[in-house]
C-alpha atoms as a PDB file:
ATOM      1  CA  MET A   1      -3.714  42.045 -22.959  1.00  0.00           C
ATOM      2  CA  GLN A   2      -4.757  42.512 -26.868  1.00  0.00           C
ATOM      3  CA  LYS A   3      -6.455  45.586 -27.524  1.00  0.00           C
ATOM      4  CA  GLN A   4      -8.431  45.963 -30.678  1.00  0.00           C
ATOM      5  CA  ILE A   5      -8.803  49.049 -32.505  1.00  0.00           C
ATOM      6  CA  LEU A   6     -12.291  49.041 -34.238  1.00  0.00           C
ATOM      7  CA  GLU A   7     -13.320  52.286 -35.337  1.00  0.00           C
ATOM      8  CA  LYS A   8     -11.515  54.611 -37.993  1.00  0.00           C
ATOM      9  CA  GLN A   9      -9.106  57.356 -36.976  1.00  0.00           C
ATOM     10  CA  LYS A  10      -5.935  59.186 -36.755  1.00  0.00           C
ATOM     11  CA  LEU A  11      -2.976  57.518 -35.938  1.00  0.00           C
ATOM     12  CA  LEU A  12      -1.116  60.262 -34.677  1.00  0.00           C
ATOM     13  CA  ASN A  13      -1.876  63.292 -31.831  1.00  0.00           C
ATOM     14  CA  GLU A  14      -0.930  66.922 -32.004  1.00  0.00           C
ATOM     15  CA  LYS A  15       2.324  65.294 -30.610  1.00  0.00           C
ATOM     16  CA  GLY A  16       3.118  63.106 -32.970  1.00  0.00           C
ATOM     17  CA  GLU A  17       2.750  60.078 -30.773  1.00  0.00           C
ATOM     18  CA  LEU A  18       0.360  56.978 -31.666  1.00  0.00           C
ATOM     19  CA  THR A  19      -3.577  57.939 -30.131  1.00  0.00           C
ATOM     20  CA  ASN A  20      -4.583  54.523 -29.770  1.00  0.00           C
ATOM     21  CA  PRO A  21      -1.914  52.035 -29.526  1.00  0.00           C
ATOM     22  CA  GLY A  22      -3.252  48.234 -30.607  1.00  0.00           C
ATOM     23  CA  TYR A  23      -4.117  45.742 -33.595  1.00  0.00           C
ATOM     24  CA  ALA A  24      -6.954  45.774 -36.020  1.00  0.00           C
ATOM     25  CA  THR A  25      -7.658  43.366 -38.836  1.00  0.00           C
ATOM     26  CA  GLU A  26      -8.062  46.103 -41.158  1.00  0.00           C
ATOM     27  CA  PRO A  27      -6.565  49.532 -41.840  1.00  0.00           C
ATOM     28  CA  LEU A  28      -8.259  52.022 -39.533  1.00  0.00           C
ATOM     29  CA  LEU A  29      -5.853  54.098 -38.352  1.00  0.00           C
ATOM     30  CA  ILE A  30      -5.134  57.096 -40.982  1.00  0.00           C
ATOM     31  CA  TYR A  31      -1.244  58.173 -41.459  1.00  0.00           C
ATOM     32  CA  ASP A  32       0.247  61.408 -42.679  1.00  0.00           C
ATOM     33  CA  ARG A  33       3.543  62.325 -42.928  1.00  0.00           C
ATOM     34  CA  LYS A  34       2.942  65.544 -41.330  1.00  0.00           C
ATOM     35  CA  ASP A  35       1.611  64.676 -38.211  1.00  0.00           C
ATOM     36  CA  VAL A  36       4.899  62.658 -37.703  1.00  0.00           C
ATOM     37  CA  GLY A  37       6.453  64.969 -34.269  1.00  0.00           C
ATOM     38  CA  ALA A  38       9.914  63.226 -35.074  1.00  0.00           C
ATOM     39  CA  SER A  39      12.820  64.100 -36.802  1.00  0.00           C
ATOM     40  CA  LYS A  40      12.816  63.676 -40.717  1.00  0.00           C
ATOM     41  CA  TRP A  41      16.161  61.676 -40.486  1.00  0.00           C
ATOM     42  CA  ARG A  42      13.799  58.491 -38.534  1.00  0.00           C
ATOM     43  CA  ILE A  43      10.784  58.081 -40.677  1.00  0.00           C
ATOM     44  CA  LYS A  44      10.662  54.583 -42.314  1.00  0.00           C
ATOM     45  CA  GLU A  45       8.560  53.776 -45.060  1.00  0.00           C
ATOM     46  CA  TRP A  46       8.385  50.165 -47.497  1.00  0.00           C
ATOM     47  CA  ASP A  47       6.140  47.914 -49.315  1.00  0.00           C
ATOM     48  CA  TYR A  48       7.534  44.399 -49.853  1.00  0.00           C
ATOM     49  CA  TYR A  49       6.018  41.662 -51.658  1.00  0.00           C
ATOM     50  CA  ALA A  50       6.971  38.030 -51.299  1.00  0.00           C
ATOM     51  CA  SER A  51       5.223  35.505 -53.771  1.00  0.00           C
ATOM     52  CA  LEU A  52       6.508  31.898 -52.968  1.00  0.00           C
ATOM     53  CA  SER A  53       5.212  28.528 -55.291  1.00  0.00           C
ATOM     54  CA  ASP A  54       6.676  25.147 -54.254  1.00  0.00           C
ATOM     55  CA  ARG A  55       9.798  25.555 -56.779  1.00  0.00           C
ATOM     56  CA  PHE A  56      10.293  29.240 -56.664  1.00  0.00           C
ATOM     57  CA  GLY A  57       9.419  32.404 -55.130  1.00  0.00           C
ATOM     58  CA  VAL A  58      10.371  35.966 -55.213  1.00  0.00           C
ATOM     59  CA  SER A  59      10.569  39.358 -53.487  1.00  0.00           C
ATOM     60  CA  PHE A  60      10.432  42.747 -53.777  1.00  0.00           C
ATOM     61  CA  VAL A  61      11.256  45.954 -51.485  1.00  0.00           C
ATOM     62  CA  ILE A  62      10.764  49.246 -52.212  1.00  0.00           C
ATOM     63  CA  ALA A  63      12.032  51.147 -48.792  1.00  0.00           C
ATOM     64  CA  ASP A  64      11.971  55.036 -47.960  1.00  0.00           C
ATOM     65  CA  LEU A  65      14.133  55.095 -45.096  1.00  0.00           C
ATOM     66  CA  ALA A  66      14.837  58.589 -45.363  1.00  0.00           C
ATOM     67  CA  TYR A  67      18.489  59.332 -45.361  1.00  0.00           C
ATOM     68  CA  SER A  68      18.678  55.994 -47.225  1.00  0.00           C
ATOM     69  CA  ALA A  69      16.861  54.201 -49.396  1.00  0.00           C
ATOM     70  CA  MET A  70      16.755  50.335 -50.848  1.00  0.00           C
ATOM     71  CA  ILE A  71      14.968  49.108 -54.357  1.00  0.00           C
ATOM     72  CA  SER A  72      15.295  44.910 -54.168  1.00  0.00           C
ATOM     73  CA  ALA A  73      14.796  41.767 -56.012  1.00  0.00           C
ATOM     74  CA  VAL A  74      15.473  38.886 -54.555  1.00  0.00           C
ATOM     75  CA  PHE A  75      15.272  35.618 -56.679  1.00  0.00           C
ATOM     76  CA  LEU A  76      14.553  31.838 -54.913  1.00  0.00           C
ATOM     77  CA  ASP A  77      15.153  28.547 -56.353  1.00  0.00           C
ATOM     78  CA  PHE A  78      13.839  25.841 -53.792  1.00  0.00           C
ATOM     79  CA  GLU A  79      15.101  22.575 -55.745  1.00  0.00           C
ATOM     80  CA  ALA A  80      18.582  24.335 -56.311  1.00  0.00           C
ATOM     81  CA  LYS A  81      18.483  25.591 -52.938  1.00  0.00           C
ATOM     82  CA  ILE A  82      19.918  29.052 -54.124  1.00  0.00           C
ATOM     83  CA  VAL A  83      19.212  32.463 -53.619  1.00  0.00           C
ATOM     84  CA  TYR A  84      19.939  35.364 -55.890  1.00  0.00           C
ATOM     85  CA  LYS A  85      19.370  39.028 -55.128  1.00  0.00           C
ATOM     86  CA  LYS A  86      20.241  42.222 -56.246  1.00  0.00           C
ATOM     87  CA  THR A  87      19.681  45.561 -54.675  1.00  0.00           C
ATOM     88  CA  LYS A  88      20.252  49.324 -55.518  1.00  0.00           C
ATOM     89  CA  LEU A  89      20.841  52.170 -53.075  1.00  0.00           C
ATOM     90  CA  LEU A  90      20.326  55.471 -52.355  1.00  0.00           C
ATOM     91  CA  TRP A  91      21.306  58.007 -50.521  1.00  0.00           C
ATOM     92  CA  PHE A  92      18.967  61.113 -48.886  1.00  0.00           C
ATOM     93  CA  VAL A  93      15.393  60.425 -49.936  1.00  0.00           C
ATOM     94  CA  PHE A  94      13.653  61.815 -47.361  1.00  0.00           C
ATOM     95  CA  GLY A  95      10.215  60.542 -48.622  1.00  0.00           C
ATOM     96  CA  LYS A  96      10.941  61.380 -52.317  1.00  0.00           C
ATOM     97  CA  LEU A  97      10.195  57.852 -53.271  1.00  0.00           C
ATOM     98  CA  GLY A  98       6.718  59.051 -52.908  1.00  0.00           C
ATOM     99  CA  LEU A  99       5.247  56.147 -51.045  1.00  0.00           C
ATOM    100  CA  PRO A 100       1.432  56.197 -50.783  1.00  0.00           C
ATOM    101  CA  ALA A 101       0.029  56.798 -47.091  1.00  0.00           C
ATOM    102  CA  THR A 102      -2.352  53.448 -47.026  1.00  0.00           C
ATOM    103  CA  SER A 103      -2.193  50.524 -48.480  1.00  0.00           C
ATOM    104  CA  VAL A 104      -6.218  50.602 -49.727  1.00  0.00           C
ATOM    105  CA  ASN A 105      -4.835  52.446 -52.812  1.00  0.00           C
ATOM    106  CA  GLY A 106      -2.307  54.321 -54.432  1.00  0.00           C
ATOM    107  CA  ASP A 107       0.815  53.059 -56.597  1.00  0.00           C
ATOM    108  CA  SER A 108       4.512  52.411 -55.122  1.00  0.00           C
ATOM    109  CA  ARG A 109       7.084  53.052 -58.443  1.00  0.00           C
ATOM    110  CA  PHE A 110      10.931  53.010 -58.789  1.00  0.00           C
ATOM    111  CA  HIS A 111      12.468  53.270 -62.332  1.00  0.00           C
ATOM    112  CA  GLY A 112      16.386  54.140 -62.529  1.00  0.00           C
ATOM    113  CA  GLY A 113      19.560  52.393 -62.910  1.00  0.00           C
ATOM    114  CA  GLY A 114      18.424  49.344 -64.243  1.00  0.00           C
ATOM    115  CA  PHE A 115      15.553  48.995 -61.724  1.00  0.00           C
ATOM    116  CA  ASP A 116      11.933  49.307 -62.819  1.00  0.00           C
ATOM    117  CA  PHE A 117       9.355  48.594 -60.147  1.00  0.00           C
ATOM    118  CA  ASP A 118       5.569  49.249 -60.267  1.00  0.00           C
ATOM    119  CA  PHE A 119       3.630  48.177 -57.456  1.00  0.00           C
ATOM    120  CA  VAL A 120      -0.058  49.135 -58.932  1.00  0.00           C
ATOM    121  CA  ARG A 121      -3.066  48.718 -56.787  1.00  0.00           C
ATOM    122  CA  ASN A 122      -6.593  47.971 -58.433  1.00  0.00           C
ATOM    123  CA  GLU A 123      -9.615  47.487 -56.193  1.00  0.00           C
ATOM    124  CA  ASN A 124      -9.835  43.824 -56.325  1.00  0.00           C
ATOM    125  CA  GLU A 125      -5.947  43.226 -57.024  1.00  0.00           C
ATOM    126  CA  ARG A 126      -2.469  44.243 -56.767  1.00  0.00           C
ATOM    127  CA  ILE A 127      -0.313  44.024 -60.094  1.00  0.00           C
ATOM    128  CA  ILE A 128       3.695  44.046 -59.666  1.00  0.00           C
ATOM    129  CA  ASN A 129       5.870  44.892 -62.829  1.00  0.00           C
ATOM    130  CA  VAL A 130       9.377  44.498 -61.920  1.00  0.00           C
ATOM    131  CA  SER A 131      12.047  44.552 -64.375  1.00  0.00           C
ATOM    132  CA  VAL A 132      16.134  44.163 -63.050  1.00  0.00           C
ATOM    133  CA  LYS A 133      18.541  44.949 -65.716  1.00  0.00           C
ATOM    134  CA  ASP A 134      21.885  42.869 -65.473  1.00  0.00           C
ATOM    135  CA  PHE A 135      20.260  40.676 -62.419  1.00  0.00           C
ATOM    136  CA  LEU A 136      22.793  38.021 -63.074  1.00  0.00           C
ATOM    137  CA  PRO A 137      25.757  38.163 -65.555  1.00  0.00           C
ATOM    138  CA  GLY A 138      24.171  38.390 -69.078  1.00  0.00           C
ATOM    139  CA  LYS A 139      20.375  37.520 -67.026  1.00  0.00           C
ATOM    140  CA  ASP A 140      17.970  40.197 -66.827  1.00  0.00           C
ATOM    141  CA  LEU A 141      14.749  39.595 -64.015  1.00  0.00           C
ATOM    142  CA  SER A 142      11.379  40.482 -64.994  1.00  0.00           C
ATOM    143  CA  ALA A 143       8.100  39.628 -63.228  1.00  0.00           C
ATOM    144  CA  LYS A 144       4.588  40.206 -64.305  1.00  0.00           C
ATOM    145  CA  LEU A 145       2.114  39.000 -61.477  1.00  0.00           C
ATOM    146  CA  GLN A 146      -1.297  39.764 -60.611  1.00  0.00           C
ATOM    147  CA  LEU A 147      -2.434  38.933 -56.574  1.00  0.00           C
ATOM    148  CA  LYS A 148      -5.934  38.501 -55.903  1.00  0.00           C
ATOM    149  CA  ASP A 149      -7.408  41.105 -53.396  1.00  0.00           C
ATOM    150  CA  LEU A 150     -10.321  39.133 -51.699  1.00  0.00           C
ATOM    151  CA  HIS A 151     -10.578  41.610 -48.713  1.00  0.00           C
ATOM    152  CA  ASP A 152      -9.844  39.478 -46.332  1.00  0.00           C
ATOM    153  CA  ASP A 153      -8.841  39.919 -42.590  1.00  0.00           C
ATOM    154  CA  SER A 154      -5.268  41.269 -42.503  1.00  0.00           C
ATOM    155  CA  MET A 155      -2.884  41.975 -39.605  1.00  0.00           C
ATOM    156  CA  VAL A 156      -2.421  45.546 -38.293  1.00  0.00           C
ATOM    157  CA  ILE A 157      -0.903  47.027 -35.792  1.00  0.00           C
ATOM    158  CA  ALA A 158       0.454  50.476 -34.210  1.00  0.00           C
ATOM    159  CA  THR A 159       3.334  50.041 -31.763  1.00  0.00           C
ATOM    160  CA  PRO A 160       5.334  52.645 -29.707  1.00  0.00           C
ATOM    161  CA  TRP A 161       8.234  52.600 -28.139  1.00  0.00           C
ATOM    162  CA  GLN A 162       8.969  53.148 -24.743  1.00  0.00           C
ATOM    163  CA  GLU A 163      12.056  55.020 -24.812  1.00  0.00           C
ATOM    164  CA  ASN A 164      10.419  57.642 -27.473  1.00  0.00           C
ATOM    165  CA  ARG A 165       6.622  58.031 -27.260  1.00  0.00           C
ATOM    166  CA  LYS A 166       7.000  60.062 -31.010  1.00  0.00           C
ATOM    167  CA  ALA A 167       8.411  56.706 -32.361  1.00  0.00           C
ATOM    168  CA  PHE A 168       6.195  54.228 -33.815  1.00  0.00           C
ATOM    169  CA  TYR A 169       5.453  51.113 -35.980  1.00  0.00           C
ATOM    170  CA  TYR A 170       2.531  51.035 -38.603  1.00  0.00           C
ATOM    171  CA  ASN A 171       2.381  47.918 -40.482  1.00  0.00           C
ATOM    172  CA  GLN A 172      -0.242  45.738 -42.181  1.00  0.00           C
ATOM    173  CA  LYS A 173       0.705  42.300 -42.988  1.00  0.00           C
ATOM    174  CA  ILE A 174      -1.861  40.856 -46.531  1.00  0.00           C
ATOM    175  CA  ASN A 175      -1.559  36.920 -46.411  1.00  0.00           C
ATOM    176  CA  CYS A 176      -2.858  34.522 -48.636  1.00  0.00           C
ATOM    177  CA  MET A 177      -3.449  36.763 -51.543  1.00  0.00           C
ATOM    178  CA  PRO A 178      -3.741  34.337 -54.912  1.00  0.00           C
ATOM    179  CA  THR A 179      -0.732  34.714 -57.470  1.00  0.00           C
ATOM    180  CA  SER A 180      -0.878  34.157 -61.166  1.00  0.00           C
ATOM    181  CA  GLY A 181       1.382  35.332 -63.579  1.00  0.00           C
ATOM    182  CA  THR A 182       5.102  34.804 -64.664  1.00  0.00           C
ATOM    183  CA  VAL A 183       8.588  35.652 -63.468  1.00  0.00           C
ATOM    184  CA  THR A 184      11.494  35.511 -66.394  1.00  0.00           C
ATOM    185  CA  LEU A 185      15.154  35.072 -65.486  1.00  0.00           C
ATOM    186  CA  GLY A 186      17.421  35.530 -68.609  1.00  0.00           C
ATOM    187  CA  SER A 187      15.767  32.516 -70.685  1.00  0.00           C
ATOM    188  CA  GLU A 188      13.921  30.622 -67.916  1.00  0.00           C
ATOM    189  CA  GLU A 189      10.377  31.505 -67.048  1.00  0.00           C
ATOM    190  CA  TYR A 190       8.993  30.586 -63.915  1.00  0.00           C
ATOM    191  CA  HIS A 191       5.026  30.446 -63.294  1.00  0.00           C
ATOM    192  CA  PHE A 192       2.563  31.347 -60.512  1.00  0.00           C
ATOM    193  CA  HIS A 193      -0.716  29.326 -60.215  1.00  0.00           C
ATOM    194  CA  PRO A 194      -3.511  30.832 -58.280  1.00  0.00           C
ATOM    195  CA  ASP A 195      -5.117  27.710 -57.267  1.00  0.00           C
ATOM    196  CA  THR A 196      -1.340  27.183 -55.300  1.00  0.00           C
ATOM    197  CA  ASP A 197       0.523  30.017 -54.866  1.00  0.00           C
ATOM    198  CA  PHE A 198       0.491  32.981 -52.570  1.00  0.00           C
ATOM    199  CA  SER A 199       1.908  36.222 -51.451  1.00  0.00           C
ATOM    200  CA  VAL A 200       2.113  38.187 -48.675  1.00  0.00           C
ATOM    201  CA  LEU A 201       2.277  42.023 -48.582  1.00  0.00           C
ATOM    202  CA  ASP A 202       4.448  43.749 -45.621  1.00  0.00           C
ATOM    203  CA  TRP A 203       3.463  47.484 -45.935  1.00  0.00           C
ATOM    204  CA  GLY A 204       4.776  49.401 -43.294  1.00  0.00           C
ATOM    205  CA  ARG A 205       4.728  53.398 -42.361  1.00  0.00           C
ATOM    206  CA  GLY A 206       6.724  54.970 -39.167  1.00  0.00           C
ATOM    207  CA  VAL A 207       9.463  55.832 -36.967  1.00  0.00           C
ATOM    208  CA  TRP A 208      12.238  53.490 -35.376  1.00  0.00           C
ATOM    209  CA  THR A 209      14.575  53.873 -33.141  1.00  0.00           C
ATOM    210  CA  TYR A 210      18.029  53.506 -34.164  1.00  0.00           C
ATOM    211  CA  LYS A 211      18.944  49.968 -33.238  1.00  0.00           C
ATOM    212  CA  ASN A 212      16.446  47.098 -33.175  1.00  0.00           C
ATOM    213  CA  THR A 213      16.373  43.527 -33.664  1.00  0.00           C
ATOM    214  CA  TRP A 214      12.876  41.717 -34.727  1.00  0.00           C
ATOM    215  CA  TYR A 215      11.228  38.256 -35.253  1.00  0.00           C
ATOM    216  CA  TRP A 216       8.914  37.759 -37.869  1.00  0.00           C
ATOM    217  CA  ALA A 217       7.740  34.373 -39.670  1.00  0.00           C
ATOM    218  CA  SER A 218       4.745  34.327 -42.890  1.00  0.00           C
ATOM    219  CA  ILE A 219       3.164  31.341 -44.302  1.00  0.00           C
ATOM    220  CA  SER A 220       0.092  31.454 -47.075  1.00  0.00           C
ATOM    221  CA  GLY A 221      -1.014  28.208 -48.230  1.00  0.00           C
ATOM    222  CA  ILE A 222      -4.060  25.595 -48.138  1.00  0.00           C
ATOM    223  CA  VAL A 223      -5.194  23.308 -45.523  1.00  0.00           C
ATOM    224  CA  GLU A 224      -8.243  21.297 -45.540  1.00  0.00           C
ATOM    225  CA  GLY A 225      -9.612  22.856 -48.864  1.00  0.00           C
ATOM    226  CA  LYS A 226      -9.129  26.556 -46.997  1.00  0.00           C
ATOM    227  CA  ARG A 227      -6.877  29.295 -47.504  1.00  0.00           C
ATOM    228  CA  PHE A 228      -4.482  29.523 -44.195  1.00  0.00           C
ATOM    229  CA  GLY A 229      -1.725  31.742 -43.204  1.00  0.00           C
ATOM    230  CA  MET A 230       0.016  32.959 -40.621  1.00  0.00           C
ATOM    231  CA  ASN A 231       1.833  36.272 -39.307  1.00  0.00           C
ATOM    232  CA  LEU A 232       4.149  35.941 -36.439  1.00  0.00           C
ATOM    233  CA  GLY A 233       6.695  38.101 -34.441  1.00  0.00           C
ATOM    234  CA  TYR A 234       8.074  40.306 -31.755  1.00  0.00           C
ATOM    235  CA  GLY A 235      11.289  41.793 -30.923  1.00  0.00           C
ATOM    236  CA  PHE A 236      10.869  45.435 -30.923  1.00  0.00           C
ATOM    237  CA  GLY A 237       8.646  48.159 -29.873  1.00  0.00           C
ATOM    238  CA  ASP A 238       6.116  47.979 -26.919  1.00  0.00           C
ATOM    239  CA  MET A 239       3.794  45.588 -27.248  1.00  0.00           C
ATOM    240  CA  THR A 240       2.256  45.968 -23.691  1.00  0.00           C
ATOM    241  CA  SER A 241      -1.369  46.864 -25.895  1.00  0.00           C
ATOM    242  CA  ALA A 242      -1.334  44.335 -28.699  1.00  0.00           C
ATOM    243  CA  THR A 243       1.073  41.592 -30.477  1.00  0.00           C
ATOM    244  CA  GLU A 244       1.172  41.015 -33.937  1.00  0.00           C
ATOM    245  CA  ASN A 245       0.594  37.059 -33.810  1.00  0.00           C
ATOM    246  CA  MET A 246      -2.311  36.158 -35.807  1.00  0.00           C
ATOM    247  CA  LEU A 247      -3.810  33.135 -38.128  1.00  0.00           C
ATOM    248  CA  PHE A 248      -5.786  33.326 -41.018  1.00  0.00           C
ATOM    249  CA  TYR A 249      -8.335  30.651 -41.973  1.00  0.00           C
ATOM    250  CA  ASP A 250     -10.699  31.006 -44.929  1.00  0.00           C
ATOM    251  CA  GLY A 251     -10.461  34.797 -44.706  1.00  0.00           C
ATOM    252  CA  SER A 252     -10.932  35.326 -40.859  1.00  0.00           C
ATOM    253  CA  ALA A 253      -8.215  36.310 -38.393  1.00  0.00           C
ATOM    254  CA  HIS A 254      -7.940  34.536 -35.338  1.00  0.00           C
ATOM    255  CA  LYS A 255      -5.654  36.413 -32.759  1.00  0.00           C
ATOM    256  CA  LEU A 256      -2.609  35.057 -30.956  1.00  0.00           C
ATOM    257  CA  ASP A 257      -1.127  35.966 -27.818  1.00  0.00           C
ATOM    258  CA  GLN A 258       2.800  35.393 -27.138  1.00  0.00           C
ATOM    259  CA  VAL A 259       5.243  33.608 -29.691  1.00  0.00           C
ATOM    260  CA  VAL A 260       8.319  32.707 -29.174  1.00  0.00           C
ATOM    261  CA  PHE A 261      10.667  31.499 -31.928  1.00  0.00           C
ATOM    262  CA  GLU A 262      13.227  28.657 -31.176  1.00  0.00           C
ATOM    263  CA  ILE A 263      16.360  28.751 -33.317  1.00  0.00           C
ATOM    264  CA  GLN A 264      19.395  26.784 -32.837  1.00  0.00           C
ATOM    265  CA  GLU A 265      21.658  29.593 -33.807  1.00  0.00           C
ATOM    266  CA  PRO A 266      24.146  29.954 -35.361  1.00  0.00           C
ATOM    267  CA  ASP A 267      23.137  27.079 -37.684  1.00  0.00           C
ATOM    268  CA  PHE A 268      19.878  28.833 -39.265  1.00  0.00           C
ATOM    269  CA  LEU A 269      19.562  25.559 -41.392  1.00  0.00           C
ATOM    270  CA  LYS A 270      18.569  23.665 -38.739  1.00  0.00           C
ATOM    271  CA  PRO A 271      14.703  23.350 -37.781  1.00  0.00           C
ATOM    272  CA  TRP A 272      13.132  26.194 -35.921  1.00  0.00           C
ATOM    273  CA  ARG A 273      10.420  25.560 -33.457  1.00  0.00           C
ATOM    274  CA  PHE A 274       7.391  27.816 -32.827  1.00  0.00           C
ATOM    275  CA  ILE A 275       5.060  27.948 -29.597  1.00  0.00           C
ATOM    276  CA  ASP A 276       2.520  29.982 -28.158  1.00  0.00           C
ATOM    277  CA  ASP A 277       2.128  30.921 -24.567  1.00  0.00           C
ATOM    278  CA  GLU A 278      -1.856  29.347 -24.705  1.00  0.00           C
ATOM    279  CA  GLY A 279      -1.559  26.121 -26.374  1.00  0.00           C
ATOM    280  CA  ARG A 280      -2.823  27.334 -29.588  1.00  0.00           C
ATOM    281  CA  LEU A 281       0.132  26.908 -32.324  1.00  0.00           C
ATOM    282  CA  GLU A 282       2.894  24.476 -32.108  1.00  0.00           C
ATOM    283  CA  MET A 283       5.043  23.929 -35.481  1.00  0.00           C
ATOM    284  CA  VAL A 284       8.618  23.294 -37.116  1.00  0.00           C
ATOM    285  CA  MET A 285      10.346  24.856 -39.852  1.00  0.00           C
ATOM    286  CA  GLU A 286      12.530  22.733 -41.799  1.00  0.00           C
ATOM    287  CA  PRO A 287      14.659  25.348 -43.591  1.00  0.00           C
ATOM    288  CA  ILE A 288      15.390  24.870 -47.644  1.00  0.00           C
ATOM    289  CA  VAL A 289      17.557  27.895 -47.966  1.00  0.00           C
ATOM    290  CA  ASP A 290      19.120  31.108 -46.117  1.00  0.00           C
ATOM    291  CA  ARG A 291      18.564  34.679 -47.504  1.00  0.00           C
ATOM    292  CA  GLN A 292      21.262  36.505 -45.494  1.00  0.00           C
ATOM    293  CA  ASP A 293      21.812  40.230 -44.769  1.00  0.00           C
ATOM    294  CA  ASP A 294      25.174  41.786 -44.348  1.00  0.00           C
ATOM    295  CA  LEU A 295      24.823  45.198 -45.337  1.00  0.00           C
ATOM    296  CA  ASN A 296      26.906  47.137 -43.241  1.00  0.00           C
ATOM    297  CA  PHE A 297      28.250  50.776 -43.714  1.00  0.00           C
ATOM    298  CA  GLY A 298      29.120  51.470 -40.179  1.00  0.00           C
ATOM    299  CA  ILE A 299      26.292  53.236 -38.820  1.00  0.00           C
ATOM    300  CA  ILE A 300      24.035  51.847 -41.112  1.00  0.00           C
ATOM    301  CA  LYS A 301      23.460  47.958 -40.777  1.00  0.00           C
ATOM    302  CA  ASN A 302      20.872  45.194 -41.874  1.00  0.00           C
ATOM    303  CA  LEU A 303      22.132  42.029 -40.734  1.00  0.00           C
ATOM    304  CA  GLY A 304      20.660  38.850 -40.471  1.00  0.00           C
ATOM    305  CA  HIS A 305      18.606  35.814 -41.699  1.00  0.00           C
ATOM    306  CA  GLN A 306      15.677  35.366 -43.829  1.00  0.00           C
ATOM    307  CA  VAL A 307      15.149  31.649 -44.110  1.00  0.00           C
ATOM    308  CA  PHE A 308      12.597  29.814 -46.065  1.00  0.00           C
ATOM    309  CA  GLY A 309      11.612  26.324 -45.727  1.00  0.00           C
ATOM    310  CA  ARG A 310       8.235  24.231 -44.932  1.00  0.00           C
ATOM    311  CA  PHE A 311       6.179  24.350 -42.301  1.00  0.00           C
ATOM    312  CA  SER A 312       4.374  21.447 -40.514  1.00  0.00           C
ATOM    313  CA  GLY A 313       2.325  21.660 -37.354  1.00  0.00           C
ATOM    314  CA  TYR A 314      -1.318  22.015 -35.429  1.00  0.00           C
ATOM    315  CA  PHE A 315      -2.960  25.821 -35.130  1.00  0.00           C
ATOM    316  CA  VAL A 316      -6.077  26.036 -32.471  1.00  0.00           C
ATOM    317  CA  LEU A 317      -8.676  28.666 -34.045  1.00  0.00           C
ATOM    318  CA  ASP A 318     -11.121  30.905 -32.073  1.00  0.00           C
ATOM    319  CA  ASP A 319     -13.576  28.562 -32.178  1.00  0.00           C
ATOM    320  CA  GLY A 320     -11.493  25.684 -30.260  1.00  0.00           C
ATOM    321  CA  ARG A 321     -11.003  23.727 -33.795  1.00  0.00           C
ATOM    322  CA  LYS A 322      -7.510  22.643 -33.758  1.00  0.00           C
ATOM    323  CA  ILE A 323      -6.121  22.357 -37.729  1.00  0.00           C
ATOM    324  CA  GLU A 324      -3.209  20.068 -38.744  1.00  0.00           C
ATOM    325  CA  PHE A 325      -0.967  20.948 -41.417  1.00  0.00           C
ATOM    326  CA  ARG A 326       2.327  19.642 -43.184  1.00  0.00           C
ATOM    327  CA  ASP A 327       5.200  21.296 -44.941  1.00  0.00           C
ATOM    328  CA  GLN A 328       3.415  24.675 -46.101  1.00  0.00           C
ATOM    329  CA  ILE A 329       6.171  26.703 -47.486  1.00  0.00           C
ATOM    330  CA  GLY A 330       6.960  30.024 -46.013  1.00  0.00           C
ATOM    331  CA  PHE A 331       9.654  32.068 -44.162  1.00  0.00           C
ATOM    332  CA  ALA A 332      11.005  33.273 -41.139  1.00  0.00           C
ATOM    333  CA  GLU A 333      13.581  35.547 -39.885  1.00  0.00           C
ATOM    334  CA  LYS A 334      15.894  37.242 -37.571  1.00  0.00           C
ATOM    335  CA  ILE A 335      17.132  40.540 -38.433  1.00  0.00           C
ATOM    336  CA  THR A 336      19.060  43.363 -36.833  1.00  0.00           C
ATOM    337  CA  ASN A 337      18.926  46.653 -37.998  1.00  0.00           C
ATOM    338  CA  HIS A 338      20.962  49.514 -37.246  1.00  0.00           C
ATOM    339  CA  TYR A 339      19.520  52.964 -38.943  1.00  0.00           C
END
């Protein structure tokens, strides 16, 4: 069953439970922290951007996880197959970062300890201005990026948990945002070009249970002269109302049902295979680099693998057209969190 939400409504009812679990192609559900029925210790909010070219990529996150927060920058060199990362952790934040209640407007910012992050939302673009002091020894990192917002369809999902109906995941993924701008690492400059390079936004708000493992894959690129993308994911929550699996082609969404990631664990740098249950998707990712998470503070853990690589295969649109693609840059991950 794939239940689509078509009308604007409150995300949560008077009990703090989801009013209408399901998926949408735009952010119709209205989130308000004051409506949350669970403990403030369980609220999780984040904005995550990943911008990729054929040669390199960056990702930035501002995450308010209630009793902790994470501000992180990642630089990926696909030619050298190297990942660089620097993260700042905060404690007992409980919403003080002031992340906006909607992805439609409002800015997300953090400044402190050598980290300056500004995610600015304008009507037709998203601006990323980031600087990190001593990102590498003797080298600062800065990024000034413009992400064009074409107001395409996007993946929006509201997912509950069976074991706790006051736990929920409200998430939007916006693929295929043409990206321009410059990343500077030390004295080296790296440039994004909007005709070939794209960003994805992972915007999440919710109340999570303590321990979860999830799978997520994201691609944004050009096929047959059209922008195309994918958002695939599963592994947590009660997805009987809808999955978050969705294709994007020329700005329009095409919904998938179930998708499985076939991973040759423990070697995450071997090829990954992805198939759906309706014969509409089959593809393989040839990994380039594995960004491993190994944060472990006992009761707080973030362990997993975000693997960047090149995807090849085919997908089938809602009208039955079969689209083949090769060597599209993207990523797929398996992450376990205790938080």
